[in-house]
Amino acid sequence: MDNQLFQSKRTELINSYAKNNVPFLATTRGLHSVRSIRFDAVNIQAAGAVSYLVARRGQILNFFNYGINESIELSADGAHRATESDTNLTKGFSTTAASDMSIEWITMGPRAIKNQYRANSLTSFVAANIDPVVSNALQGTVALVDPFANVVPAEVSASATLEHTLYQAIAPHMTCKFEWDNADRTEKMGTVDQFVQGSGASYLRSNGEPSVNNRFRIPEGFLWAREGQPAGQMQVVCALADDVVIPYSQVAAPLDGSFPALTAVYVELVLRVGGMILRVPGSN
């Protein structure tokens, strides 16, 4: 009798297909999903004074529960149409194609910061001939990258040094769990700061070595089965468990004059999972 002390989901999947004499294709695959968390700008004072960004506890982020072209809430856009940069699932909760997947690694990190400015003063500030994409960026629906802090306070992103200040602030306070459609499958993974970014960052503030090869490993694997099978549907649920407060200095007079005050800052987080996918030849 073959008595193995340790068997991964990858091994179980391969043995299952082989036992049933089913020809299969094996592919190493990474899946991603994006959600956003909101910081409210509060106690806004005169330019140059200290104000505060508050990430309020109780915010829930549901990853992998939507597919491409589905309508979701993302940053300040309440009806964002998901693109392939937001997810590579064609259907929410499900693996791509009729596939079984062994999830063997996880990464999480910030994708973008979007800033929303006070609407009543933004109307008078935005010139009639301003580029519409720039206008959208000032309304919190398009990423605004400001490495030299011309309009975004340096404390918000500090992108010139690759230190994503807001993400680092909330990561230890955000819990994360994997949920499958069968009620007895919930894997609590702890807090988000345990997940390395899986991409470049500064050594000073990165979670672990800042390398694309550095991932949170799951040696045993999690089974994400094809549609219609046990554990077929999956989502990853992250929740901000604590309030987080960050003081910041408002930008006094950027560019060519006074600038509207921030009302909110959104941090978009991208969660990636990867491993081996098995599927029957001919399935799309």
C-alpha atoms as a PDB file:
ATOM      1  CA  MET A   1       0.000   0.000   0.000  1.00  0.00           C
ATOM      2  CA  ASP A   2       1.313   3.421  -0.954  1.00  0.00           C
ATOM      3  CA  ASN A   3       1.285   5.374   2.289  1.00  0.00           C
ATOM      4  CA  GLN A   4       2.349   8.973   1.713  1.00  0.00           C
ATOM      5  CA  LEU A   5       2.725  11.349   4.609  1.00  0.00           C
ATOM      6  CA  PHE A   6       2.144  14.429   2.466  1.00  0.00           C
ATOM      7  CA  GLN A   7       0.119  14.793  -0.717  1.00  0.00           C
ATOM      8  CA  SER A   8      -0.552  18.077  -2.443  1.00  0.00           C
ATOM      9  CA  LYS A   9      -3.678  19.063  -4.364  1.00  0.00           C
ATOM     10  CA  ARG A  10      -1.518  19.056  -7.492  1.00  0.00           C
ATOM     11  CA  THR A  11      -0.705  15.356  -6.934  1.00  0.00           C
ATOM     12  CA  GLU A  12      -4.312  14.526  -6.112  1.00  0.00           C
ATOM     13  CA  LEU A  13      -5.538  16.172  -9.316  1.00  0.00           C
ATOM     14  CA  ILE A  14      -3.021  14.404 -11.536  1.00  0.00           C
ATOM     15  CA  ASN A  15      -3.741  11.046  -9.888  1.00  0.00           C
ATOM     16  CA  SER A  16      -7.493  11.581 -10.288  1.00  0.00           C
ATOM     17  CA  TYR A  17      -7.230  12.276 -14.015  1.00  0.00           C
ATOM     18  CA  ALA A  18      -4.795   9.397 -14.514  1.00  0.00           C
ATOM     19  CA  LYS A  19      -6.931   6.947 -12.533  1.00  0.00           C
ATOM     20  CA  ASN A  20      -9.938   7.658 -14.725  1.00  0.00           C
ATOM     21  CA  ASN A  21      -7.854   7.396 -17.913  1.00  0.00           C
ATOM     22  CA  VAL A  22      -8.817  10.929 -18.896  1.00  0.00           C
ATOM     23  CA  PRO A  23      -6.363  12.735 -21.205  1.00  0.00           C
ATOM     24  CA  PHE A  24      -5.620  16.189 -19.829  1.00  0.00           C
ATOM     25  CA  LEU A  25      -3.617  19.330 -20.417  1.00  0.00           C
ATOM     26  CA  ALA A  26      -1.601  20.882 -17.577  1.00  0.00           C
ATOM     27  CA  THR A  27      -0.828  24.593 -17.539  1.00  0.00           C
ATOM     28  CA  THR A  28       0.833  26.877 -15.025  1.00  0.00           C
ATOM     29  CA  ARG A  29      -1.501  29.822 -14.645  1.00  0.00           C
ATOM     30  CA  GLY A  30      -1.840  33.023 -12.661  1.00  0.00           C
ATOM     31  CA  LEU A  31      -5.216  34.658 -11.991  1.00  0.00           C
ATOM     32  CA  HIS A  32      -5.735  38.194 -10.703  1.00  0.00           C
ATOM     33  CA  SER A  33      -8.518  40.345  -9.318  1.00  0.00           C
ATOM     34  CA  VAL A  34      -8.648  44.015  -8.269  1.00  0.00           C
ATOM     35  CA  ARG A  35     -10.634  45.809  -5.577  1.00  0.00           C
ATOM     36  CA  SER A  36     -10.266  49.194  -3.852  1.00  0.00           C
ATOM     37  CA  ILE A  37     -10.280  50.569  -0.341  1.00  0.00           C
ATOM     38  CA  ARG A  38     -11.296  54.118   0.570  1.00  0.00           C
ATOM     39  CA  PHE A  39      -9.598  56.714   2.741  1.00  0.00           C
ATOM     40  CA  ASP A  40     -11.798  59.696   3.685  1.00  0.00           C
ATOM     41  CA  ALA A  41     -10.092  63.101   3.850  1.00  0.00           C
ATOM     42  CA  VAL A  42     -11.299  64.702   7.090  1.00  0.00           C
ATOM     43  CA  ASN A  43     -10.623  67.787   9.215  1.00  0.00           C
ATOM     44  CA  ILE A  44      -9.487  69.648   6.123  1.00  0.00           C
ATOM     45  CA  GLN A  45      -7.977  72.978   7.147  1.00  0.00           C
ATOM     46  CA  ALA A  46      -6.479  75.892   5.280  1.00  0.00           C
ATOM     47  CA  ALA A  47      -3.743  75.068   2.784  1.00  0.00           C
ATOM     48  CA  GLY A  48      -0.531  74.110   4.544  1.00  0.00           C
ATOM     49  CA  ALA A  49      -2.274  72.840   7.699  1.00  0.00           C
ATOM     50  CA  VAL A  50      -2.448  69.214   8.784  1.00  0.00           C
ATOM     51  CA  SER A  51      -5.443  67.174   7.645  1.00  0.00           C
ATOM     52  CA  TYR A  52      -6.169  63.451   7.989  1.00  0.00           C
ATOM     53  CA  LEU A  53      -6.906  60.435   5.820  1.00  0.00           C
ATOM     54  CA  VAL A  54      -9.089  57.847   7.533  1.00  0.00           C
ATOM     55  CA  ALA A  55      -9.572  54.270   6.325  1.00  0.00           C
ATOM     56  CA  ARG A  56     -12.685  53.211   8.173  1.00  0.00           C
ATOM     57  CA  ARG A  57     -12.983  49.702   9.553  1.00  0.00           C
ATOM     58  CA  GLY A  58     -15.637  47.385   8.166  1.00  0.00           C
ATOM     59  CA  GLN A  59     -14.759  47.818   4.486  1.00  0.00           C
ATOM     60  CA  ILE A  60     -15.115  44.472   2.662  1.00  0.00           C
ATOM     61  CA  LEU A  61     -13.192  43.620  -0.506  1.00  0.00           C
ATOM     62  CA  ASN A  62     -14.460  40.631  -2.522  1.00  0.00           C
ATOM     63  CA  PHE A  63     -11.904  39.332  -5.011  1.00  0.00           C
ATOM     64  CA  PHE A  64     -12.603  36.890  -7.885  1.00  0.00           C
ATOM     65  CA  ASN A  65     -16.394  37.290  -7.652  1.00  0.00           C
ATOM     66  CA  TYR A  66     -16.690  39.094 -11.015  1.00  0.00           C
ATOM     67  CA  GLY A  67     -15.609  38.499 -14.589  1.00  0.00           C
ATOM     68  CA  ILE A  68     -14.454  40.596 -17.526  1.00  0.00           C
ATOM     69  CA  ASN A  69     -17.028  43.183 -18.675  1.00  0.00           C
ATOM     70  CA  GLU A  70     -19.143  42.850 -15.525  1.00  0.00           C
ATOM     71  CA  SER A  71     -20.165  45.992 -13.652  1.00  0.00           C
ATOM     72  CA  ILE A  72     -18.440  46.471 -10.283  1.00  0.00           C
ATOM     73  CA  GLU A  73     -17.709  49.268  -7.839  1.00  0.00           C
ATOM     74  CA  LEU A  74     -14.069  50.336  -8.165  1.00  0.00           C
ATOM     75  CA  SER A  75     -12.645  53.446  -6.526  1.00  0.00           C
ATOM     76  CA  ALA A  76     -14.979  56.410  -7.166  1.00  0.00           C
ATOM     77  CA  ASP A  77     -16.691  54.670 -10.097  1.00  0.00           C
ATOM     78  CA  GLY A  78     -19.816  52.906  -8.842  1.00  0.00           C
ATOM     79  CA  ALA A  79     -20.472  51.207 -12.182  1.00  0.00           C
ATOM     80  CA  HIS A  80     -17.008  50.374 -13.465  1.00  0.00           C
ATOM     81  CA  ARG A  81     -16.976  47.889 -16.349  1.00  0.00           C
ATOM     82  CA  ALA A  82     -14.259  45.356 -15.512  1.00  0.00           C
ATOM     83  CA  THR A  83     -11.468  45.021 -18.056  1.00  0.00           C
ATOM     84  CA  GLU A  84      -8.783  42.397 -18.511  1.00  0.00           C
ATOM     85  CA  SER A  85      -6.447  44.493 -16.370  1.00  0.00           C
ATOM     86  CA  ASP A  86      -8.925  44.123 -13.488  1.00  0.00           C
ATOM     87  CA  THR A  87      -9.374  40.343 -13.776  1.00  0.00           C
ATOM     88  CA  ASN A  88      -8.695  37.498 -16.163  1.00  0.00           C
ATOM     89  CA  LEU A  89     -11.774  35.530 -15.138  1.00  0.00           C
ATOM     90  CA  THR A  90     -14.416  35.324 -17.844  1.00  0.00           C
ATOM     91  CA  LYS A  91     -17.008  34.440 -15.208  1.00  0.00           C
ATOM     92  CA  GLY A  92     -17.075  35.439 -11.568  1.00  0.00           C
ATOM     93  CA  PHE A  93     -16.283  32.849  -8.875  1.00  0.00           C
ATOM     94  CA  SER A  94     -15.062  30.355 -11.522  1.00  0.00           C
ATOM     95  CA  THR A  95     -11.712  29.249 -12.943  1.00  0.00           C
ATOM     96  CA  THR A  96     -11.007  30.083 -16.550  1.00  0.00           C
ATOM     97  CA  ALA A  97     -12.445  27.389 -18.853  1.00  0.00           C
ATOM     98  CA  ALA A  98     -13.691  24.025 -17.562  1.00  0.00           C
ATOM     99  CA  SER A  99     -10.656  23.593 -15.373  1.00  0.00           C
ATOM    100  CA  ASP A 100      -9.476  22.309 -12.017  1.00  0.00           C
ATOM    101  CA  MET A 101      -6.849  24.457 -10.337  1.00  0.00           C
ATOM    102  CA  SER A 102      -4.383  23.817  -7.557  1.00  0.00           C
ATOM    103  CA  ILE A 103      -3.720  27.222  -5.966  1.00  0.00           C
ATOM    104  CA  GLU A 104      -0.107  27.161  -4.809  1.00  0.00           C
ATOM    105  CA  TRP A 105       0.913  30.796  -4.314  1.00  0.00           C
ATOM    106  CA  ILE A 106      -0.561  34.199  -3.436  1.00  0.00           C
ATOM    107  CA  THR A 107       0.644  37.776  -3.817  1.00  0.00           C
ATOM    108  CA  MET A 108      -1.036  41.078  -3.031  1.00  0.00           C
ATOM    109  CA  GLY A 109       0.002  44.662  -3.584  1.00  0.00           C
ATOM    110  CA  PRO A 110      -1.184  48.145  -4.570  1.00  0.00           C
ATOM    111  CA  ARG A 111      -1.965  48.740  -8.236  1.00  0.00           C
ATOM    112  CA  ALA A 112      -2.981  52.395  -8.299  1.00  0.00           C
ATOM    113  CA  ILE A 113      -3.970  55.370  -6.182  1.00  0.00           C
ATOM    114  CA  LYS A 114      -6.976  57.413  -7.263  1.00  0.00           C
ATOM    115  CA  ASN A 115      -7.728  60.798  -5.742  1.00  0.00           C
ATOM    116  CA  GLN A 116     -11.117  62.463  -5.526  1.00  0.00           C
ATOM    117  CA  TYR A 117     -11.266  66.225  -5.065  1.00  0.00           C
ATOM    118  CA  ARG A 118     -14.031  68.456  -3.738  1.00  0.00           C
ATOM    119  CA  ALA A 119     -16.653  68.620  -6.479  1.00  0.00           C
ATOM    120  CA  ASN A 120     -17.986  72.152  -5.944  1.00  0.00           C
ATOM    121  CA  SER A 121     -14.518  73.734  -6.228  1.00  0.00           C
ATOM    122  CA  LEU A 122     -13.304  71.318  -8.902  1.00  0.00           C
ATOM    123  CA  THR A 123     -15.858  72.659 -11.391  1.00  0.00           C
ATOM    124  CA  SER A 124     -14.367  76.131 -11.309  1.00  0.00           C
ATOM    125  CA  PHE A 125     -10.797  74.820 -11.331  1.00  0.00           C
ATOM    126  CA  VAL A 126     -11.085  72.529 -14.345  1.00  0.00           C
ATOM    127  CA  ALA A 127     -10.815  74.533 -17.527  1.00  0.00           C
ATOM    128  CA  ALA A 128     -13.254  73.909 -20.338  1.00  0.00           C
ATOM    129  CA  ASN A 129     -10.504  72.601 -22.589  1.00  0.00           C
ATOM    130  CA  ILE A 130      -8.867  70.245 -20.068  1.00  0.00           C
ATOM    131  CA  ASP A 131      -8.170  66.732 -21.304  1.00  0.00           C
ATOM    132  CA  PRO A 132     -11.121  64.531 -20.245  1.00  0.00           C
ATOM    133  CA  VAL A 133      -8.811  61.829 -18.876  1.00  0.00           C
ATOM    134  CA  VAL A 134      -7.174  64.399 -16.588  1.00  0.00           C
ATOM    135  CA  SER A 135     -10.616  65.540 -15.468  1.00  0.00           C
ATOM    136  CA  ASN A 136     -11.509  61.924 -14.632  1.00  0.00           C
ATOM    137  CA  ALA A 137      -8.297  61.568 -12.631  1.00  0.00           C
ATOM    138  CA  LEU A 138      -9.317  64.542 -10.498  1.00  0.00           C
ATOM    139  CA  GLN A 139     -12.656  62.883  -9.831  1.00  0.00           C
ATOM    140  CA  GLY A 140     -11.145  59.628  -8.589  1.00  0.00           C
ATOM    141  CA  THR A 141     -11.840  57.284 -11.500  1.00  0.00           C
ATOM    142  CA  VAL A 142      -8.408  57.279 -13.192  1.00  0.00           C
ATOM    143  CA  ALA A 143      -5.027  56.618 -11.579  1.00  0.00           C
ATOM    144  CA  LEU A 144      -3.127  59.812 -10.768  1.00  0.00           C
ATOM    145  CA  VAL A 145       0.624  59.209 -10.461  1.00  0.00           C
ATOM    146  CA  ASP A 146       2.338  62.226  -8.937  1.00  0.00           C
ATOM    147  CA  PRO A 147       5.927  61.312  -7.939  1.00  0.00           C
ATOM    148  CA  PHE A 148       6.922  64.929  -7.289  1.00  0.00           C
ATOM    149  CA  ALA A 149       3.835  65.828  -5.225  1.00  0.00           C
ATOM    150  CA  ASN A 150       2.678  68.655  -7.482  1.00  0.00           C
ATOM    151  CA  VAL A 151      -0.964  68.114  -6.549  1.00  0.00           C
ATOM    152  CA  VAL A 152      -1.006  64.966  -4.376  1.00  0.00           C
ATOM    153  CA  PRO A 153       0.435  65.245  -0.859  1.00  0.00           C
ATOM    154  CA  ALA A 154       3.752  63.413  -0.579  1.00  0.00           C
ATOM    155  CA  GLU A 155       2.446  61.444   2.408  1.00  0.00           C
ATOM    156  CA  VAL A 156      -0.192  59.762   0.257  1.00  0.00           C
ATOM    157  CA  SER A 157       1.918  57.726  -2.141  1.00  0.00           C
ATOM    158  CA  ALA A 158       5.613  58.634  -1.863  1.00  0.00           C
ATOM    159  CA  SER A 159       5.918  57.038  -5.292  1.00  0.00           C
ATOM    160  CA  ALA A 160       9.348  58.574  -5.930  1.00  0.00           C
ATOM    161  CA  THR A 161      10.753  56.044  -3.429  1.00  0.00           C
ATOM    162  CA  LEU A 162       8.416  53.154  -4.339  1.00  0.00           C
ATOM    163  CA  GLU A 163       6.924  53.211  -0.856  1.00  0.00           C
ATOM    164  CA  HIS A 164       3.161  52.751  -1.058  1.00  0.00           C
ATOM    165  CA  THR A 165       2.415  54.443   2.222  1.00  0.00           C
ATOM    166  CA  LEU A 166      -1.337  53.847   2.370  1.00  0.00           C
ATOM    167  CA  TYR A 167      -1.082  50.152   1.486  1.00  0.00           C
ATOM    168  CA  GLN A 168       1.615  49.565   4.096  1.00  0.00           C
ATOM    169  CA  ALA A 169      -0.596  51.284   6.663  1.00  0.00           C
ATOM    170  CA  ILE A 170      -3.663  49.101   6.127  1.00  0.00           C
ATOM    171  CA  ALA A 171      -2.019  45.731   5.374  1.00  0.00           C
ATOM    172  CA  PRO A 172      -1.525  44.673   9.039  1.00  0.00           C
ATOM    173  CA  HIS A 173      -5.147  45.572   9.802  1.00  0.00           C
ATOM    174  CA  MET A 174      -6.832  43.729   6.926  1.00  0.00           C
ATOM    175  CA  THR A 175      -7.853  40.102   7.351  1.00  0.00           C
ATOM    176  CA  CYS A 176      -8.169  37.711   4.419  1.00  0.00           C
ATOM    177  CA  LYS A 177      -9.892  34.378   3.856  1.00  0.00           C
ATOM    178  CA  PHE A 178     -10.643  32.042   0.965  1.00  0.00           C
ATOM    179  CA  GLU A 179     -14.301  30.992   0.669  1.00  0.00           C
ATOM    180  CA  TRP A 180     -15.649  28.176  -1.499  1.00  0.00           C
ATOM    181  CA  ASP A 181     -19.308  27.478  -2.258  1.00  0.00           C
ATOM    182  CA  ASN A 182     -19.467  24.418  -0.017  1.00  0.00           C
ATOM    183  CA  ALA A 183     -20.061  25.702   3.500  1.00  0.00           C
ATOM    184  CA  ASP A 184     -17.286  23.737   5.198  1.00  0.00           C
ATOM    185  CA  ARG A 185     -14.496  25.267   3.093  1.00  0.00           C
ATOM    186  CA  THR A 186     -13.206  28.524   4.517  1.00  0.00           C
ATOM    187  CA  GLU A 187      -9.460  29.050   4.816  1.00  0.00           C
ATOM    188  CA  LYS A 188      -8.511  31.961   7.090  1.00  0.00           C
ATOM    189  CA  MET A 189      -5.145  33.247   5.929  1.00  0.00           C
ATOM    190  CA  GLY A 190      -4.425  35.880   8.588  1.00  0.00           C
ATOM    191  CA  THR A 191      -3.630  39.480   7.697  1.00  0.00           C
ATOM    192  CA  VAL A 192      -2.638  40.891   4.316  1.00  0.00           C
ATOM    193  CA  ASP A 193       0.877  41.900   5.404  1.00  0.00           C
ATOM    194  CA  GLN A 194       1.757  38.183   5.306  1.00  0.00           C
ATOM    195  CA  PHE A 195       1.325  38.266   1.509  1.00  0.00           C
ATOM    196  CA  VAL A 196       4.381  39.527  -0.332  1.00  0.00           C
ATOM    197  CA  GLN A 197       3.811  41.905  -3.228  1.00  0.00           C
ATOM    198  CA  GLY A 198       5.353  39.635  -5.848  1.00  0.00           C
ATOM    199  CA  SER A 199       6.841  42.680  -7.587  1.00  0.00           C
ATOM    200  CA  GLY A 200       9.428  45.396  -7.198  1.00  0.00           C
ATOM    201  CA  ALA A 201       9.437  47.626  -4.137  1.00  0.00           C
ATOM    202  CA  SER A 202      11.946  49.318  -1.888  1.00  0.00           C
ATOM    203  CA  TYR A 203      13.616  47.061   0.678  1.00  0.00           C
ATOM    204  CA  LEU A 204      12.694  49.544   3.401  1.00  0.00           C
ATOM    205  CA  ARG A 205       8.938  48.928   3.212  1.00  0.00           C
ATOM    206  CA  SER A 206       8.437  45.700   1.270  1.00  0.00           C
ATOM    207  CA  ASN A 207       6.912  42.575   2.791  1.00  0.00           C
ATOM    208  CA  GLY A 208       9.867  40.245   2.326  1.00  0.00           C
ATOM    209  CA  GLU A 209      12.308  40.376  -0.568  1.00  0.00           C
ATOM    210  CA  PRO A 210      10.940  42.699  -3.285  1.00  0.00           C
ATOM    211  CA  SER A 211      11.122  40.242  -6.167  1.00  0.00           C
ATOM    212  CA  VAL A 212       8.627  38.887  -8.686  1.00  0.00           C
ATOM    213  CA  ASN A 213       9.724  35.416  -7.562  1.00  0.00           C
ATOM    214  CA  ASN A 214       8.848  36.044  -3.918  1.00  0.00           C
ATOM    215  CA  ARG A 215       5.354  34.690  -3.267  1.00  0.00           C
ATOM    216  CA  PHE A 216       3.331  33.412  -0.337  1.00  0.00           C
ATOM    217  CA  ARG A 217       3.639  29.676  -0.926  1.00  0.00           C
ATOM    218  CA  ILE A 218       0.924  27.094  -0.243  1.00  0.00           C
ATOM    219  CA  PRO A 219       2.763  23.764  -0.578  1.00  0.00           C
ATOM    220  CA  GLU A 220      -0.341  21.645  -0.006  1.00  0.00           C
ATOM    221  CA  GLY A 221      -2.409  23.701  -2.464  1.00  0.00           C
ATOM    222  CA  PHE A 222      -6.061  24.743  -2.426  1.00  0.00           C
ATOM    223  CA  LEU A 223      -8.431  22.973  -4.818  1.00  0.00           C
ATOM    224  CA  TRP A 224     -10.502  25.313  -6.997  1.00  0.00           C
ATOM    225  CA  ALA A 225     -12.635  22.886  -8.972  1.00  0.00           C
ATOM    226  CA  ARG A 226     -14.404  23.243 -12.280  1.00  0.00           C
ATOM    227  CA  GLU A 227     -17.975  24.532 -12.448  1.00  0.00           C
ATOM    228  CA  GLY A 228     -20.543  22.044 -11.161  1.00  0.00           C
ATOM    229  CA  GLN A 229     -18.052  20.234  -8.915  1.00  0.00           C
ATOM    230  CA  PRO A 230     -17.583  20.508  -5.136  1.00  0.00           C
ATOM    231  CA  ALA A 231     -15.652  23.663  -4.243  1.00  0.00           C
ATOM    232  CA  GLY A 232     -16.378  24.977  -7.731  1.00  0.00           C
ATOM    233  CA  GLN A 233     -17.048  28.588  -6.768  1.00  0.00           C
ATOM    234  CA  MET A 234     -14.473  30.636  -4.887  1.00  0.00           C
ATOM    235  CA  GLN A 235     -13.918  34.190  -3.732  1.00  0.00           C
ATOM    236  CA  VAL A 236     -11.323  35.795  -1.498  1.00  0.00           C
ATOM    237  CA  VAL A 237     -12.795  38.089   1.141  1.00  0.00           C
ATOM    238  CA  CYS A 238     -10.629  40.750   2.794  1.00  0.00           C
ATOM    239  CA  ALA A 239     -11.941  42.998   5.559  1.00  0.00           C
ATOM    240  CA  LEU A 240     -10.440  46.058   7.218  1.00  0.00           C
ATOM    241  CA  ALA A 241     -10.729  45.215  10.922  1.00  0.00           C
ATOM    242  CA  ASP A 242      -9.446  48.482  12.387  1.00  0.00           C
ATOM    243  CA  ASP A 243      -9.615  52.198  11.661  1.00  0.00           C
ATOM    244  CA  VAL A 244      -6.376  53.612  10.251  1.00  0.00           C
ATOM    245  CA  VAL A 245      -5.566  57.338  10.448  1.00  0.00           C
ATOM    246  CA  ILE A 246      -2.801  59.105   8.501  1.00  0.00           C
ATOM    247  CA  PRO A 247      -2.055  62.839   8.901  1.00  0.00           C
ATOM    248  CA  TYR A 248      -0.996  64.705   5.777  1.00  0.00           C
ATOM    249  CA  SER A 249      -0.085  68.215   4.687  1.00  0.00           C
ATOM    250  CA  GLN A 250      -2.259  69.709   2.006  1.00  0.00           C
ATOM    251  CA  VAL A 251      -0.660  71.006  -1.169  1.00  0.00           C
ATOM    252  CA  ALA A 252      -0.706  74.786  -0.847  1.00  0.00           C
ATOM    253  CA  ALA A 253      -0.462  76.152  -4.390  1.00  0.00           C
ATOM    254  CA  PRO A 254       0.482  73.536  -6.968  1.00  0.00           C
ATOM    255  CA  LEU A 255       1.148  74.271 -10.600  1.00  0.00           C
ATOM    256  CA  ASP A 256      -0.567  77.552 -11.491  1.00  0.00           C
ATOM    257  CA  GLY A 257      -2.733  78.308  -8.482  1.00  0.00           C
ATOM    258  CA  SER A 258      -4.832  76.993  -5.620  1.00  0.00           C
ATOM    259  CA  PHE A 259      -6.090  73.431  -5.867  1.00  0.00           C
ATOM    260  CA  PRO A 260      -9.311  71.811  -4.636  1.00  0.00           C
ATOM    261  CA  ALA A 261      -9.055  69.893  -1.378  1.00  0.00           C
ATOM    262  CA  LEU A 262      -9.051  66.102  -1.329  1.00  0.00           C
ATOM    263  CA  THR A 263     -12.297  64.420  -0.330  1.00  0.00           C
ATOM    264  CA  ALA A 264     -11.157  60.792  -0.663  1.00  0.00           C
ATOM    265  CA  VAL A 265      -8.227  58.634  -1.732  1.00  0.00           C
ATOM    266  CA  TYR A 266      -8.725  55.129  -3.102  1.00  0.00           C
ATOM    267  CA  VAL A 267      -6.047  52.455  -3.080  1.00  0.00           C
ATOM    268  CA  GLU A 268      -6.594  49.722  -5.644  1.00  0.00           C
ATOM    269  CA  LEU A 269      -5.293  46.347  -4.505  1.00  0.00           C
ATOM    270  CA  VAL A 270      -4.505  43.480  -6.857  1.00  0.00           C
ATOM    271  CA  LEU A 271      -4.667  39.936  -5.496  1.00  0.00           C
ATOM    272  CA  ARG A 272      -2.971  37.233  -7.545  1.00  0.00           C
ATOM    273  CA  VAL A 273      -3.188  33.477  -7.135  1.00  0.00           C
ATOM    274  CA  GLY A 274      -1.374  30.902  -9.203  1.00  0.00           C
ATOM    275  CA  GLY A 275      -0.621  27.250  -9.604  1.00  0.00           C
ATOM    276  CA  MET A 276      -1.396  24.373 -11.943  1.00  0.00           C
ATOM    277  CA  ILE A 277      -4.560  24.124 -14.013  1.00  0.00           C
ATOM    278  CA  LEU A 278      -5.771  20.799 -15.442  1.00  0.00           C
ATOM    279  CA  ARG A 279      -8.371  20.607 -18.188  1.00  0.00           C
ATOM    280  CA  VAL A 280      -9.634  18.137 -20.748  1.00  0.00           C
ATOM    281  CA  PRO A 281      -8.409  18.781 -24.326  1.00  0.00           C
ATOM    282  CA  GLY A 282     -11.024  20.547 -26.409  1.00  0.00           C
ATOM    283  CA  SER A 283     -12.557  22.465 -23.507  1.00  0.00           C
ATOM    284  CA  ASN A 284     -12.326  26.237 -23.964  1.00  0.00           C
END
